[in-house]
């Protein structure tokens, strides 16, 4: 007998529909988040290396994922002005996650994120991802990668990630660094049982009132996928 087969493309559509619809867009929290993120733009003038930042749509995707899965320990590679850090930490706070923790590094800049929420944000300013991975002892429940993974990082990630770590990869399009990062991560034993979810499609984002786009893909542990009778 043939098996029922579900592709990454089709699963991605269902995944984002579920993740985005699980968060109320009319409770004022999205507007508050976007106002906070807009205020971070003034930090650009302090940057030694001024580059692009994630869109509102990408920020909202990060926020909704953290709210849905409720990770306590988060790690991020690539801070810049802190929009992604802020989005994830805000979701942890809104979910009242006890002892929420987020470690983030930026090789090029030493910008301080003006965060004053309950979640603890630890910044590794002007430090490489290799240095942060060497110093962090907590296995992250979720890691967001918005920077190019170095070869020396792979062994460290192999020892730090677990089969239950959710991995988010930015710039997953074309031949950008996100696709290269994904190919390298797939070499790790810890990532053997992760299922690829493509970035949310623009049409789906528009259904939820977002006109910008997201290039964030997800590597979801297979054991986080469950078939249920209702929903």
C-alpha atoms as a PDB file:
ATOM      1  CA  UNK A   1       0.000   0.000   0.000  1.00  0.00           C
ATOM      2  CA  UNK A   2       1.084   3.557  -0.648  1.00  0.00           C
ATOM      3  CA  UNK A   3       1.768   5.958   2.192  1.00  0.00           C
ATOM      4  CA  UNK A   4       0.159   9.379   2.475  1.00  0.00           C
ATOM      5  CA  UNK A   5       2.867  11.908   1.660  1.00  0.00           C
ATOM      6  CA  UNK A   6       2.872  15.538   2.728  1.00  0.00           C
ATOM      7  CA  UNK A   7       5.496  17.832   1.205  1.00  0.00           C
ATOM      8  CA  UNK A   8       7.351  20.637   2.957  1.00  0.00           C
ATOM      9  CA  UNK A   9       5.531  23.106   0.729  1.00  0.00           C
ATOM     10  CA  UNK A  10       2.052  21.918   1.733  1.00  0.00           C
ATOM     11  CA  UNK A  11       2.987  21.448   5.376  1.00  0.00           C
ATOM     12  CA  UNK A  12       4.439  24.968   5.451  1.00  0.00           C
ATOM     13  CA  UNK A  13       1.087  26.439   4.454  1.00  0.00           C
ATOM     14  CA  UNK A  14      -0.734  24.594   7.249  1.00  0.00           C
ATOM     15  CA  UNK A  15       1.994  25.434   9.763  1.00  0.00           C
ATOM     16  CA  UNK A  16       1.865  29.195   9.219  1.00  0.00           C
ATOM     17  CA  UNK A  17      -1.936  29.205   9.133  1.00  0.00           C
ATOM     18  CA  UNK A  18      -1.965  27.539  12.563  1.00  0.00           C
ATOM     19  CA  UNK A  19       0.849  29.642  14.058  1.00  0.00           C
ATOM     20  CA  UNK A  20      -0.491  33.016  12.916  1.00  0.00           C
ATOM     21  CA  UNK A  21      -4.143  32.300  13.691  1.00  0.00           C
ATOM     22  CA  UNK A  22      -3.272  31.200  17.236  1.00  0.00           C
ATOM     23  CA  UNK A  23      -2.459  34.818  18.186  1.00  0.00           C
ATOM     24  CA  UNK A  24      -5.174  37.490  18.420  1.00  0.00           C
ATOM     25  CA  UNK A  25      -4.300  40.385  16.087  1.00  0.00           C
ATOM     26  CA  UNK A  26      -6.948  42.660  17.591  1.00  0.00           C
ATOM     27  CA  UNK A  27      -5.788  42.812  21.210  1.00  0.00           C
ATOM     28  CA  UNK A  28      -3.419  45.737  20.665  1.00  0.00           C
ATOM     29  CA  UNK A  29      -0.229  43.755  21.292  1.00  0.00           C
ATOM     30  CA  UNK A  30       0.842  43.732  17.663  1.00  0.00           C
ATOM     31  CA  UNK A  31       0.512  47.502  17.389  1.00  0.00           C
ATOM     32  CA  UNK A  32       2.464  47.918  20.622  1.00  0.00           C
ATOM     33  CA  UNK A  33       5.200  45.607  19.362  1.00  0.00           C
ATOM     34  CA  UNK A  34       5.540  47.477  16.076  1.00  0.00           C
ATOM     35  CA  UNK A  35       5.743  50.816  17.902  1.00  0.00           C
ATOM     36  CA  UNK A  36       8.527  49.439  20.091  1.00  0.00           C
ATOM     37  CA  UNK A  37      10.382  48.068  17.074  1.00  0.00           C
ATOM     38  CA  UNK A  38      10.062  51.391  15.266  1.00  0.00           C
ATOM     39  CA  UNK A  39      11.703  53.143  18.219  1.00  0.00           C
ATOM     40  CA  UNK A  40      14.754  50.876  17.815  1.00  0.00           C
ATOM     41  CA  UNK A  41      15.515  52.412  14.424  1.00  0.00           C
ATOM     42  CA  UNK A  42      17.264  55.324  16.161  1.00  0.00           C
ATOM     43  CA  UNK A  43      19.959  52.872  17.263  1.00  0.00           C
ATOM     44  CA  UNK A  44      21.227  52.670  13.684  1.00  0.00           C
ATOM     45  CA  UNK A  45      23.289  55.822  14.192  1.00  0.00           C
ATOM     46  CA  UNK A  46      25.321  53.911  16.790  1.00  0.00           C
ATOM     47  CA  UNK A  47      26.128  51.067  14.409  1.00  0.00           C
ATOM     48  CA  UNK A  48      29.671  50.504  13.205  1.00  0.00           C
ATOM     49  CA  UNK A  49      28.208  48.292  10.493  1.00  0.00           C
ATOM     50  CA  UNK A  50      24.793  49.502   9.353  1.00  0.00           C
ATOM     51  CA  UNK A  51      22.895  46.796   7.541  1.00  0.00           C
ATOM     52  CA  UNK A  52      19.342  45.676   6.936  1.00  0.00           C
ATOM     53  CA  UNK A  53      16.915  44.627   9.640  1.00  0.00           C
ATOM     54  CA  UNK A  54      13.969  42.270   9.677  1.00  0.00           C
ATOM     55  CA  UNK A  55      10.547  43.418   8.474  1.00  0.00           C
ATOM     56  CA  UNK A  56       7.412  43.801  10.571  1.00  0.00           C
ATOM     57  CA  UNK A  57       6.085  40.598   9.012  1.00  0.00           C
ATOM     58  CA  UNK A  58       9.215  38.678  10.014  1.00  0.00           C
ATOM     59  CA  UNK A  59       9.049  40.169  13.509  1.00  0.00           C
ATOM     60  CA  UNK A  60       5.441  39.069  13.830  1.00  0.00           C
ATOM     61  CA  UNK A  61       6.289  35.552  12.656  1.00  0.00           C
ATOM     62  CA  UNK A  62       8.992  35.326  15.339  1.00  0.00           C
ATOM     63  CA  UNK A  63       6.609  36.669  17.975  1.00  0.00           C
ATOM     64  CA  UNK A  64       3.868  34.167  17.046  1.00  0.00           C
ATOM     65  CA  UNK A  65       6.256  31.203  16.990  1.00  0.00           C
ATOM     66  CA  UNK A  66       7.563  32.012  20.464  1.00  0.00           C
ATOM     67  CA  UNK A  67       4.030  32.521  21.780  1.00  0.00           C
ATOM     68  CA  UNK A  68       2.926  29.204  20.293  1.00  0.00           C
ATOM     69  CA  UNK A  69       5.808  26.982  21.433  1.00  0.00           C
ATOM     70  CA  UNK A  70       6.711  28.921  24.620  1.00  0.00           C
ATOM     71  CA  UNK A  71      10.503  28.327  24.676  1.00  0.00           C
ATOM     72  CA  UNK A  72      12.203  29.345  27.908  1.00  0.00           C
ATOM     73  CA  UNK A  73      15.771  29.565  26.596  1.00  0.00           C
ATOM     74  CA  UNK A  74      16.405  31.302  23.273  1.00  0.00           C
ATOM     75  CA  UNK A  75      19.640  31.936  21.411  1.00  0.00           C
ATOM     76  CA  UNK A  76      20.197  34.311  18.511  1.00  0.00           C
ATOM     77  CA  UNK A  77      23.082  34.780  16.089  1.00  0.00           C
ATOM     78  CA  UNK A  78      22.935  38.328  14.698  1.00  0.00           C
ATOM     79  CA  UNK A  79      21.594  41.100  16.953  1.00  0.00           C
ATOM     80  CA  UNK A  80      22.099  44.387  15.049  1.00  0.00           C
ATOM     81  CA  UNK A  81      19.548  46.895  16.477  1.00  0.00           C
ATOM     82  CA  UNK A  82      17.642  44.178  18.321  1.00  0.00           C
ATOM     83  CA  UNK A  83      14.326  43.903  16.465  1.00  0.00           C
ATOM     84  CA  UNK A  84      14.313  40.114  16.394  1.00  0.00           C
ATOM     85  CA  UNK A  85      15.584  39.870  19.985  1.00  0.00           C
ATOM     86  CA  UNK A  86      12.877  42.268  21.121  1.00  0.00           C
ATOM     87  CA  UNK A  87      10.111  40.417  19.235  1.00  0.00           C
ATOM     88  CA  UNK A  88      10.989  37.084  20.816  1.00  0.00           C
ATOM     89  CA  UNK A  89      11.541  38.479  24.309  1.00  0.00           C
ATOM     90  CA  UNK A  90       8.239  40.390  24.107  1.00  0.00           C
ATOM     91  CA  UNK A  91       6.447  37.143  23.250  1.00  0.00           C
ATOM     92  CA  UNK A  92       8.089  35.429  26.234  1.00  0.00           C
ATOM     93  CA  UNK A  93       6.905  38.247  28.480  1.00  0.00           C
ATOM     94  CA  UNK A  94       3.380  38.237  27.036  1.00  0.00           C
ATOM     95  CA  UNK A  95       3.215  34.497  27.716  1.00  0.00           C
ATOM     96  CA  UNK A  96       4.469  35.084  31.290  1.00  0.00           C
ATOM     97  CA  UNK A  97       7.254  32.546  30.764  1.00  0.00           C
ATOM     98  CA  UNK A  98       9.119  32.099  34.042  1.00  0.00           C
ATOM     99  CA  UNK A  99      12.869  32.759  33.882  1.00  0.00           C
ATOM    100  CA  UNK A 100      12.769  33.615  30.184  1.00  0.00           C
ATOM    101  CA  UNK A 101      16.290  33.956  28.799  1.00  0.00           C
ATOM    102  CA  UNK A 102      17.671  35.140  25.468  1.00  0.00           C
ATOM    103  CA  UNK A 103      21.360  35.192  24.501  1.00  0.00           C
ATOM    104  CA  UNK A 104      22.338  37.109  21.370  1.00  0.00           C
ATOM    105  CA  UNK A 105      25.590  38.066  19.646  1.00  0.00           C
ATOM    106  CA  UNK A 106      26.746  40.576  17.042  1.00  0.00           C
ATOM    107  CA  UNK A 107      30.227  40.421  15.573  1.00  0.00           C
ATOM    108  CA  UNK A 108      30.182  43.933  14.088  1.00  0.00           C
ATOM    109  CA  UNK A 109      28.350  46.142  16.592  1.00  0.00           C
ATOM    110  CA  UNK A 110      28.177  46.883  20.304  1.00  0.00           C
ATOM    111  CA  UNK A 111      24.660  48.369  20.407  1.00  0.00           C
ATOM    112  CA  UNK A 112      22.801  47.990  23.709  1.00  0.00           C
ATOM    113  CA  UNK A 113      19.166  46.940  23.391  1.00  0.00           C
ATOM    114  CA  UNK A 114      17.057  49.187  25.703  1.00  0.00           C
ATOM    115  CA  UNK A 115      15.033  46.234  26.997  1.00  0.00           C
ATOM    116  CA  UNK A 116      13.425  46.401  30.450  1.00  0.00           C
ATOM    117  CA  UNK A 117      11.073  43.428  30.412  1.00  0.00           C
ATOM    118  CA  UNK A 118      11.009  40.325  32.609  1.00  0.00           C
ATOM    119  CA  UNK A 119      12.878  38.148  30.138  1.00  0.00           C
ATOM    120  CA  UNK A 120      16.637  38.408  30.604  1.00  0.00           C
ATOM    121  CA  UNK A 121      18.540  39.388  27.464  1.00  0.00           C
ATOM    122  CA  UNK A 122      22.280  38.720  27.526  1.00  0.00           C
ATOM    123  CA  UNK A 123      24.191  40.446  24.755  1.00  0.00           C
ATOM    124  CA  UNK A 124      27.536  39.385  23.353  1.00  0.00           C
ATOM    125  CA  UNK A 125      28.572  42.696  21.800  1.00  0.00           C
ATOM    126  CA  UNK A 126      31.342  42.761  19.202  1.00  0.00           C
ATOM    127  CA  UNK A 127      31.699  39.026  19.712  1.00  0.00           C
ATOM    128  CA  UNK A 128      31.468  36.180  17.245  1.00  0.00           C
ATOM    129  CA  UNK A 129      28.919  33.402  17.244  1.00  0.00           C
ATOM    130  CA  UNK A 130      31.793  31.020  18.018  1.00  0.00           C
ATOM    131  CA  UNK A 131      32.562  32.913  21.207  1.00  0.00           C
ATOM    132  CA  UNK A 132      28.926  32.925  22.338  1.00  0.00           C
ATOM    133  CA  UNK A 133      28.482  29.229  21.581  1.00  0.00           C
ATOM    134  CA  UNK A 134      31.616  28.484  23.582  1.00  0.00           C
ATOM    135  CA  UNK A 135      30.389  30.414  26.608  1.00  0.00           C
ATOM    136  CA  UNK A 136      26.707  29.497  26.678  1.00  0.00           C
ATOM    137  CA  UNK A 137      26.043  26.335  28.660  1.00  0.00           C
ATOM    138  CA  UNK A 138      22.257  26.158  28.364  1.00  0.00           C
ATOM    139  CA  UNK A 139      20.872  24.101  25.496  1.00  0.00           C
ATOM    140  CA  UNK A 140      18.481  26.464  23.713  1.00  0.00           C
ATOM    141  CA  UNK A 141      14.842  25.499  23.253  1.00  0.00           C
ATOM    142  CA  UNK A 142      14.883  27.736  20.184  1.00  0.00           C
ATOM    143  CA  UNK A 143      17.692  29.294  18.157  1.00  0.00           C
ATOM    144  CA  UNK A 144      17.315  32.069  15.562  1.00  0.00           C
ATOM    145  CA  UNK A 145      20.153  32.281  13.063  1.00  0.00           C
ATOM    146  CA  UNK A 146      20.483  35.618  11.260  1.00  0.00           C
ATOM    147  CA  UNK A 147      24.159  35.421  10.425  1.00  0.00           C
ATOM    148  CA  UNK A 148      26.472  33.124   8.521  1.00  0.00           C
ATOM    149  CA  UNK A 149      27.439  30.040  10.528  1.00  0.00           C
ATOM    150  CA  UNK A 150      31.194  29.544  10.694  1.00  0.00           C
ATOM    151  CA  UNK A 151      32.791  26.121  10.261  1.00  0.00           C
ATOM    152  CA  UNK A 152      33.989  26.156  13.865  1.00  0.00           C
ATOM    153  CA  UNK A 153      30.393  26.781  14.960  1.00  0.00           C
ATOM    154  CA  UNK A 154      29.137  23.474  13.608  1.00  0.00           C
ATOM    155  CA  UNK A 155      30.874  21.282  16.185  1.00  0.00           C
ATOM    156  CA  UNK A 156      29.743  23.612  18.960  1.00  0.00           C
ATOM    157  CA  UNK A 157      26.165  23.489  17.678  1.00  0.00           C
ATOM    158  CA  UNK A 158      26.330  19.701  17.472  1.00  0.00           C
ATOM    159  CA  UNK A 159      27.047  19.622  21.203  1.00  0.00           C
ATOM    160  CA  UNK A 160      24.612  22.394  22.120  1.00  0.00           C
ATOM    161  CA  UNK A 161      21.500  21.649  20.084  1.00  0.00           C
ATOM    162  CA  UNK A 162      19.167  18.804  20.990  1.00  0.00           C
ATOM    163  CA  UNK A 163      16.580  16.836  19.038  1.00  0.00           C
ATOM    164  CA  UNK A 164      13.979  19.175  20.592  1.00  0.00           C
ATOM    165  CA  UNK A 165      15.580  22.483  19.595  1.00  0.00           C
ATOM    166  CA  UNK A 166      13.482  24.562  17.189  1.00  0.00           C
ATOM    167  CA  UNK A 167      15.752  26.242  14.626  1.00  0.00           C
ATOM    168  CA  UNK A 168      14.760  29.435  12.812  1.00  0.00           C
ATOM    169  CA  UNK A 169      16.822  30.498   9.799  1.00  0.00           C
ATOM    170  CA  UNK A 170      16.566  33.979   8.300  1.00  0.00           C
ATOM    171  CA  UNK A 171      17.368  34.872   4.672  1.00  0.00           C
ATOM    172  CA  UNK A 172      16.104  31.514   3.430  1.00  0.00           C
ATOM    173  CA  UNK A 173      15.743  32.364  -0.246  1.00  0.00           C
ATOM    174  CA  UNK A 174      17.712  31.863  -3.447  1.00  0.00           C
ATOM    175  CA  UNK A 175      21.396  31.379  -2.655  1.00  0.00           C
ATOM    176  CA  UNK A 176      21.376  33.651   0.395  1.00  0.00           C
ATOM    177  CA  UNK A 177      23.151  32.706   3.611  1.00  0.00           C
ATOM    178  CA  UNK A 178      20.041  31.142   5.122  1.00  0.00           C
ATOM    179  CA  UNK A 179      20.027  28.378   2.507  1.00  0.00           C
ATOM    180  CA  UNK A 180      23.750  27.774   3.049  1.00  0.00           C
ATOM    181  CA  UNK A 181      23.186  27.647   6.818  1.00  0.00           C
ATOM    182  CA  UNK A 182      20.412  25.097   6.341  1.00  0.00           C
ATOM    183  CA  UNK A 183      22.609  22.838   4.227  1.00  0.00           C
ATOM    184  CA  UNK A 184      25.342  22.956   6.879  1.00  0.00           C
ATOM    185  CA  UNK A 185      22.917  22.314   9.739  1.00  0.00           C
ATOM    186  CA  UNK A 186      21.537  19.243   7.971  1.00  0.00           C
ATOM    187  CA  UNK A 187      24.982  17.672   8.392  1.00  0.00           C
ATOM    188  CA  UNK A 188      24.545  17.655  12.173  1.00  0.00           C
ATOM    189  CA  UNK A 189      23.249  14.562  13.934  1.00  0.00           C
ATOM    190  CA  UNK A 190      21.126  16.784  16.184  1.00  0.00           C
ATOM    191  CA  UNK A 191      19.233  18.011  13.100  1.00  0.00           C
ATOM    192  CA  UNK A 192      18.592  14.642  11.461  1.00  0.00           C
ATOM    193  CA  UNK A 193      14.980  14.582  12.620  1.00  0.00           C
ATOM    194  CA  UNK A 194      14.002  18.157  11.829  1.00  0.00           C
ATOM    195  CA  UNK A 195      11.387  18.958   9.176  1.00  0.00           C
ATOM    196  CA  UNK A 196      11.880  21.999   6.940  1.00  0.00           C
ATOM    197  CA  UNK A 197       9.147  24.634   6.878  1.00  0.00           C
ATOM    198  CA  UNK A 198       9.492  27.323   4.234  1.00  0.00           C
ATOM    199  CA  UNK A 199       9.045  31.043   5.004  1.00  0.00           C
ATOM    200  CA  UNK A 200       5.456  32.208   5.216  1.00  0.00           C
ATOM    201  CA  UNK A 201       4.042  33.166   1.828  1.00  0.00           C
ATOM    202  CA  UNK A 202       3.145  36.801   1.193  1.00  0.00           C
ATOM    203  CA  UNK A 203      -0.475  35.975   0.422  1.00  0.00           C
ATOM    204  CA  UNK A 204      -0.823  34.287   3.807  1.00  0.00           C
ATOM    205  CA  UNK A 205       0.782  37.262   5.555  1.00  0.00           C
ATOM    206  CA  UNK A 206      -1.643  39.615   3.799  1.00  0.00           C
ATOM    207  CA  UNK A 207      -4.554  37.612   5.199  1.00  0.00           C
ATOM    208  CA  UNK A 208      -3.268  38.621   8.625  1.00  0.00           C
ATOM    209  CA  UNK A 209      -2.785  42.270   7.708  1.00  0.00           C
ATOM    210  CA  UNK A 210       0.940  42.198   6.905  1.00  0.00           C
ATOM    211  CA  UNK A 211       2.102  43.756   3.646  1.00  0.00           C
ATOM    212  CA  UNK A 212       5.835  43.173   4.109  1.00  0.00           C
ATOM    213  CA  UNK A 213       7.456  39.769   3.715  1.00  0.00           C
ATOM    214  CA  UNK A 214       9.369  37.251   5.809  1.00  0.00           C
ATOM    215  CA  UNK A 215      12.337  35.120   4.736  1.00  0.00           C
ATOM    216  CA  UNK A 216      12.471  33.079   7.944  1.00  0.00           C
ATOM    217  CA  UNK A 217      12.350  29.295   7.567  1.00  0.00           C
ATOM    218  CA  UNK A 218      11.841  26.815  10.404  1.00  0.00           C
ATOM    219  CA  UNK A 219      13.495  23.508  11.161  1.00  0.00           C
ATOM    220  CA  UNK A 220      10.888  21.850  13.376  1.00  0.00           C
ATOM    221  CA  UNK A 221      11.666  18.679  15.364  1.00  0.00           C
ATOM    222  CA  UNK A 222       9.595  15.814  13.988  1.00  0.00           C
ATOM    223  CA  UNK A 223       8.360  14.907  17.461  1.00  0.00           C
ATOM    224  CA  UNK A 224       6.721  18.327  17.691  1.00  0.00           C
ATOM    225  CA  UNK A 225       4.337  17.300  14.926  1.00  0.00           C
ATOM    226  CA  UNK A 226       1.242  15.517  16.183  1.00  0.00           C
ATOM    227  CA  UNK A 227      -1.888  14.291  14.390  1.00  0.00           C
ATOM    228  CA  UNK A 228      -5.041  15.190  16.288  1.00  0.00           C
ATOM    229  CA  UNK A 229      -8.732  14.430  15.741  1.00  0.00           C
ATOM    230  CA  UNK A 230      -9.930  18.022  16.075  1.00  0.00           C
ATOM    231  CA  UNK A 231      -8.531  21.498  15.538  1.00  0.00           C
END
